[in-house]
Amino acid sequence: MLRNDAITVALDSLKRNKLQVCLAIFGVMIGSACIILVVTVSLTERRYVMDQIEGIGSNLIYANYDYDPRRSPARSEDINLADVAAVKAAK
């Protein structure tokens, strides 16, 4: 009997407050859609970034020489032209 009373009270409340019920349903729908959208965008972006990284390949080396005359002169352990030639020959 207690369950039937609770259901009756709930249905009466829904009938009296139709605008509030509609706004609550609308809010739940928008919230759920936002969560689904954020998850979808993040997974898609992750897949795109991974495809870009895999597309570069593992056999590429990027070297950037940044010359600044205010710094100390070149050290012996810096990359020189012989090292570049050795890398090209290894291909």
N, C-alpha and C. Protein backbone atom coordinates (compact mmCIF):
# COMPACT_ATOMS: atom_id res chain seq x y z
N MET A 1 0.81 -1.20 0.00
CA MET A 1 0.00 0.00 0.00
C MET A 1 0.85 1.26 0.00
N LEU A 2 1.97 1.21 0.67
CA LEU A 2 2.86 2.37 0.75
C LEU A 2 3.41 2.74 -0.62
N ARG A 3 3.73 1.73 -1.43
CA ARG A 3 4.25 1.97 -2.77
C ARG A 3 3.18 2.65 -3.65
N ASN A 4 1.96 2.20 -3.57
CA ASN A 4 0.89 2.80 -4.36
C ASN A 4 0.66 4.27 -3.97
N ASP A 5 0.75 4.57 -2.70
CA ASP A 5 0.60 5.95 -2.25
C ASP A 5 1.72 6.82 -2.79
N ALA A 6 2.94 6.32 -2.78
CA ALA A 6 4.09 7.08 -3.29
C ALA A 6 3.94 7.34 -4.79
N ILE A 7 3.47 6.35 -5.51
CA ILE A 7 3.28 6.53 -6.96
C ILE A 7 2.17 7.54 -7.22
N THR A 8 1.10 7.48 -6.45
CA THR A 8 0.00 8.43 -6.61
C THR A 8 0.44 9.86 -6.33
N VAL A 9 1.21 10.06 -5.27
CA VAL A 9 1.71 11.39 -4.93
C VAL A 9 2.65 11.89 -6.02
N ALA A 10 3.51 11.02 -6.54
CA ALA A 10 4.45 11.42 -7.59
C ALA A 10 3.71 11.82 -8.86
N LEU A 11 2.70 11.06 -9.25
CA LEU A 11 1.94 11.38 -10.46
C LEU A 11 1.16 12.68 -10.30
N ASP A 12 0.61 12.90 -9.12
CA ASP A 12 -0.10 14.16 -8.86
C ASP A 12 0.85 15.35 -8.95
N SER A 13 2.05 15.18 -8.42
CA SER A 13 3.05 16.25 -8.48
C SER A 13 3.47 16.53 -9.93
N LEU A 14 3.59 15.48 -10.72
CA LEU A 14 3.94 15.66 -12.13
C LEU A 14 2.82 16.39 -12.88
N LYS A 15 1.58 16.10 -12.55
CA LYS A 15 0.46 16.75 -13.23
C LYS A 15 0.38 18.23 -12.88
N ARG A 16 0.69 18.58 -11.66
CA ARG A 16 0.57 19.97 -11.22
C ARG A 16 1.72 20.84 -11.72
N ASN A 17 2.88 20.28 -11.84
CA ASN A 17 4.07 21.06 -12.17
C ASN A 17 4.62 20.65 -13.55
N LYS A 18 3.81 20.83 -14.57
CA LYS A 18 4.19 20.37 -15.91
C LYS A 18 5.40 21.12 -16.44
N LEU A 19 5.46 22.43 -16.23
CA LEU A 19 6.59 23.21 -16.73
C LEU A 19 7.89 22.79 -16.04
N GLN A 20 7.83 22.59 -14.75
CA GLN A 20 9.02 22.18 -14.01
C GLN A 20 9.49 20.80 -14.48
N VAL A 21 8.57 19.91 -14.74
CA VAL A 21 8.91 18.57 -15.22
C VAL A 21 9.56 18.66 -16.61
N CYS A 22 8.97 19.47 -17.48
CA CYS A 22 9.53 19.62 -18.83
C CYS A 22 10.92 20.21 -18.78
N LEU A 23 11.13 21.22 -17.95
CA LEU A 23 12.46 21.82 -17.84
C LEU A 23 13.48 20.84 -17.26
N ALA A 24 13.06 20.03 -16.30
CA ALA A 24 13.97 19.04 -15.73
C ALA A 24 14.36 17.99 -16.77
N ILE A 25 13.39 17.53 -17.53
CA ILE A 25 13.67 16.55 -18.59
C ILE A 25 14.60 17.16 -19.63
N PHE A 26 14.32 18.41 -20.01
CA PHE A 26 15.16 19.10 -20.99
C PHE A 26 16.58 19.27 -20.47
N GLY A 27 16.73 19.59 -19.19
CA GLY A 27 18.06 19.74 -18.60
C GLY A 27 18.83 18.43 -18.57
N VAL A 28 18.16 17.35 -18.27
CA VAL A 28 18.81 16.04 -18.27
C VAL A 28 19.25 15.66 -19.68
N MET A 29 18.41 15.96 -20.66
CA MET A 29 18.77 15.64 -22.05
C MET A 29 19.98 16.45 -22.50
N ILE A 30 20.00 17.75 -22.19
CA ILE A 30 21.13 18.59 -22.58
C ILE A 30 22.41 18.15 -21.86
N GLY A 31 22.31 17.85 -20.58
CA GLY A 31 23.48 17.39 -19.84
C GLY A 31 24.05 16.09 -20.39
N SER A 32 23.19 15.15 -20.69
CA SER A 32 23.64 13.88 -21.26
C SER A 32 24.27 14.08 -22.63
N ALA A 33 23.67 14.93 -23.45
CA ALA A 33 24.22 15.19 -24.78
C ALA A 33 25.59 15.86 -24.68
N CYS A 34 25.76 16.76 -23.72
CA CYS A 34 27.06 17.42 -23.56
C CYS A 34 28.15 16.43 -23.14
N ILE A 35 27.83 15.54 -22.24
CA ILE A 35 28.81 14.55 -21.82
C ILE A 35 29.19 13.64 -22.98
N ILE A 36 28.21 13.18 -23.74
CA ILE A 36 28.49 12.33 -24.90
C ILE A 36 29.33 13.09 -25.92
N LEU A 37 29.03 14.35 -26.15
CA LEU A 37 29.78 15.15 -27.11
C LEU A 37 31.23 15.35 -26.68
N VAL A 38 31.46 15.65 -25.42
CA VAL A 38 32.83 15.86 -24.93
C VAL A 38 33.64 14.57 -25.04
N VAL A 39 33.05 13.45 -24.67
CA VAL A 39 33.77 12.17 -24.76
C VAL A 39 34.08 11.84 -26.21
N THR A 40 33.13 12.05 -27.10
CA THR A 40 33.33 11.75 -28.51
C THR A 40 34.43 12.63 -29.11
N VAL A 41 34.40 13.91 -28.80
CA VAL A 41 35.42 14.82 -29.34
C VAL A 41 36.80 14.46 -28.81
N SER A 42 36.90 14.14 -27.53
CA SER A 42 38.22 13.81 -26.98
C SER A 42 38.76 12.51 -27.56
N LEU A 43 37.92 11.51 -27.76
CA LEU A 43 38.39 10.26 -28.35
C LEU A 43 38.78 10.45 -29.82
N THR A 44 38.01 11.25 -30.54
CA THR A 44 38.33 11.52 -31.94
C THR A 44 39.63 12.29 -32.06
N GLU A 45 39.82 13.28 -31.21
CA GLU A 45 41.05 14.08 -31.24
C GLU A 45 42.25 13.22 -30.87
N ARG A 46 42.09 12.33 -29.91
CA ARG A 46 43.19 11.44 -29.52
C ARG A 46 43.58 10.54 -30.69
N ARG A 47 42.58 10.01 -31.39
CA ARG A 47 42.85 9.16 -32.54
C ARG A 47 43.56 9.94 -33.64
N TYR A 48 43.13 11.20 -33.87
CA TYR A 48 43.75 12.03 -34.90
C TYR A 48 45.21 12.31 -34.56
N VAL A 49 45.49 12.65 -33.32
CA VAL A 49 46.87 12.93 -32.91
C VAL A 49 47.73 11.68 -33.04
N MET A 50 47.21 10.54 -32.64
CA MET A 50 47.99 9.29 -32.76
C MET A 50 48.27 8.96 -34.22
N ASP A 51 47.30 9.19 -35.10
CA ASP A 51 47.52 8.94 -36.53
C ASP A 51 48.59 9.88 -37.08
N GLN A 52 48.60 11.13 -36.62
CA GLN A 52 49.61 12.07 -37.08
C GLN A 52 51.00 11.66 -36.60
N ILE A 53 51.10 11.20 -35.37
CA ILE A 53 52.40 10.76 -34.84
C ILE A 53 52.87 9.51 -35.56
N GLU A 54 51.97 8.57 -35.79
CA GLU A 54 52.35 7.35 -36.49
C GLU A 54 52.71 7.63 -37.94
N GLY A 55 52.11 8.66 -38.54
CA GLY A 55 52.40 9.02 -39.93
C GLY A 55 53.79 9.58 -40.11
N ILE A 56 54.35 10.15 -39.07
CA ILE A 56 55.70 10.70 -39.16
C ILE A 56 56.71 9.58 -39.38
N GLY A 57 56.54 8.51 -38.69
CA GLY A 57 57.44 7.38 -38.83
C GLY A 57 58.51 7.38 -37.74
N SER A 58 59.17 6.26 -37.61
CA SER A 58 60.19 6.13 -36.57
C SER A 58 61.60 6.29 -37.12
N ASN A 59 61.75 6.52 -38.42
CA ASN A 59 63.08 6.61 -38.99
C ASN A 59 63.50 8.05 -39.29
N LEU A 60 62.83 9.02 -38.73
CA LEU A 60 63.16 10.41 -38.98
C LEU A 60 63.86 11.02 -37.77
N ILE A 61 64.85 11.85 -38.07
CA ILE A 61 65.55 12.58 -37.02
C ILE A 61 65.48 14.05 -37.39
N TYR A 62 65.02 14.86 -36.47
CA TYR A 62 64.99 16.30 -36.68
C TYR A 62 66.11 16.92 -35.85
N ALA A 63 66.94 17.70 -36.51
CA ALA A 63 68.01 18.40 -35.82
C ALA A 63 67.88 19.88 -36.11
N ASN A 64 68.01 20.67 -35.08
CA ASN A 64 67.89 22.11 -35.23
C ASN A 64 69.10 22.74 -34.57
N TYR A 65 69.89 23.46 -35.36
CA TYR A 65 71.05 24.14 -34.82
C TYR A 65 70.68 25.58 -34.54
N ASP A 66 70.77 25.97 -33.30
CA ASP A 66 70.39 27.31 -32.88
C ASP A 66 71.67 28.08 -32.56
N TYR A 67 72.08 28.92 -33.48
CA TYR A 67 73.33 29.67 -33.31
C TYR A 67 73.05 30.98 -32.58
N ASP A 68 73.79 31.19 -31.52
CA ASP A 68 73.69 32.44 -30.77
C ASP A 68 75.11 32.88 -30.45
N PRO A 69 75.59 33.97 -31.05
CA PRO A 69 76.98 34.38 -30.84
C PRO A 69 77.26 34.81 -29.40
N ARG A 70 76.25 35.10 -28.62
CA ARG A 70 76.48 35.50 -27.24
C ARG A 70 76.80 34.31 -26.35
N ARG A 71 76.47 33.12 -26.80
CA ARG A 71 76.77 31.92 -26.01
C ARG A 71 78.22 31.53 -26.20
N SER A 72 78.62 30.53 -25.47
CA SER A 72 80.00 30.05 -25.58
C SER A 72 80.22 29.44 -26.95
N PRO A 73 81.46 29.37 -27.42
CA PRO A 73 81.74 28.79 -28.74
C PRO A 73 81.33 27.32 -28.79
N ALA A 74 81.29 26.81 -30.00
CA ALA A 74 80.85 25.41 -30.22
C ALA A 74 81.72 24.45 -29.43
N ARG A 75 81.07 23.44 -28.89
CA ARG A 75 81.79 22.42 -28.12
C ARG A 75 82.10 21.25 -29.03
N SER A 76 83.02 20.43 -28.62
CA SER A 76 83.42 19.30 -29.45
C SER A 76 82.33 18.24 -29.56
N GLU A 77 81.39 18.19 -28.59
CA GLU A 77 80.34 17.18 -28.66
C GLU A 77 79.14 17.60 -29.49
N ASP A 78 79.17 18.81 -30.07
CA ASP A 78 78.09 19.24 -30.96
C ASP A 78 78.12 18.44 -32.25
N ILE A 79 77.00 18.42 -32.95
CA ILE A 79 76.91 17.71 -34.23
C ILE A 79 77.70 18.48 -35.27
N ASN A 80 78.48 17.77 -36.04
CA ASN A 80 79.24 18.42 -37.10
C ASN A 80 78.88 17.80 -38.45
N LEU A 81 79.50 18.27 -39.52
CA LEU A 81 79.15 17.80 -40.87
C LEU A 81 79.47 16.32 -41.07
N ALA A 82 80.49 15.83 -40.42
CA ALA A 82 80.82 14.40 -40.54
C ALA A 82 79.69 13.54 -39.97
N ASP A 83 79.09 14.00 -38.89
CA ASP A 83 77.95 13.26 -38.32
C ASP A 83 76.76 13.24 -39.27
N VAL A 84 76.52 14.36 -39.92
CA VAL A 84 75.43 14.44 -40.89
C VAL A 84 75.67 13.50 -42.05
N ALA A 85 76.92 13.48 -42.53
CA ALA A 85 77.27 12.58 -43.64
C ALA A 85 77.12 11.11 -43.22
N ALA A 86 77.46 10.80 -42.00
CA ALA A 86 77.32 9.42 -41.51
C ALA A 86 75.85 9.01 -41.43
N VAL A 87 74.99 9.92 -41.03
CA VAL A 87 73.57 9.60 -40.95
C VAL A 87 73.00 9.40 -42.37
N LYS A 88 73.43 10.26 -43.31
CA LYS A 88 72.95 10.10 -44.69
C LYS A 88 73.45 8.79 -45.28
N ALA A 89 74.67 8.38 -44.97
CA ALA A 89 75.22 7.12 -45.49
C ALA A 89 74.52 5.91 -44.88
N ALA A 90 74.01 6.05 -43.68
CA ALA A 90 73.35 4.93 -43.01
C ALA A 90 71.98 4.61 -43.61
N LYS A 91 71.41 5.55 -44.37
CA LYS A 91 70.11 5.31 -44.99
C LYS A 91 70.29 4.26 -45.99
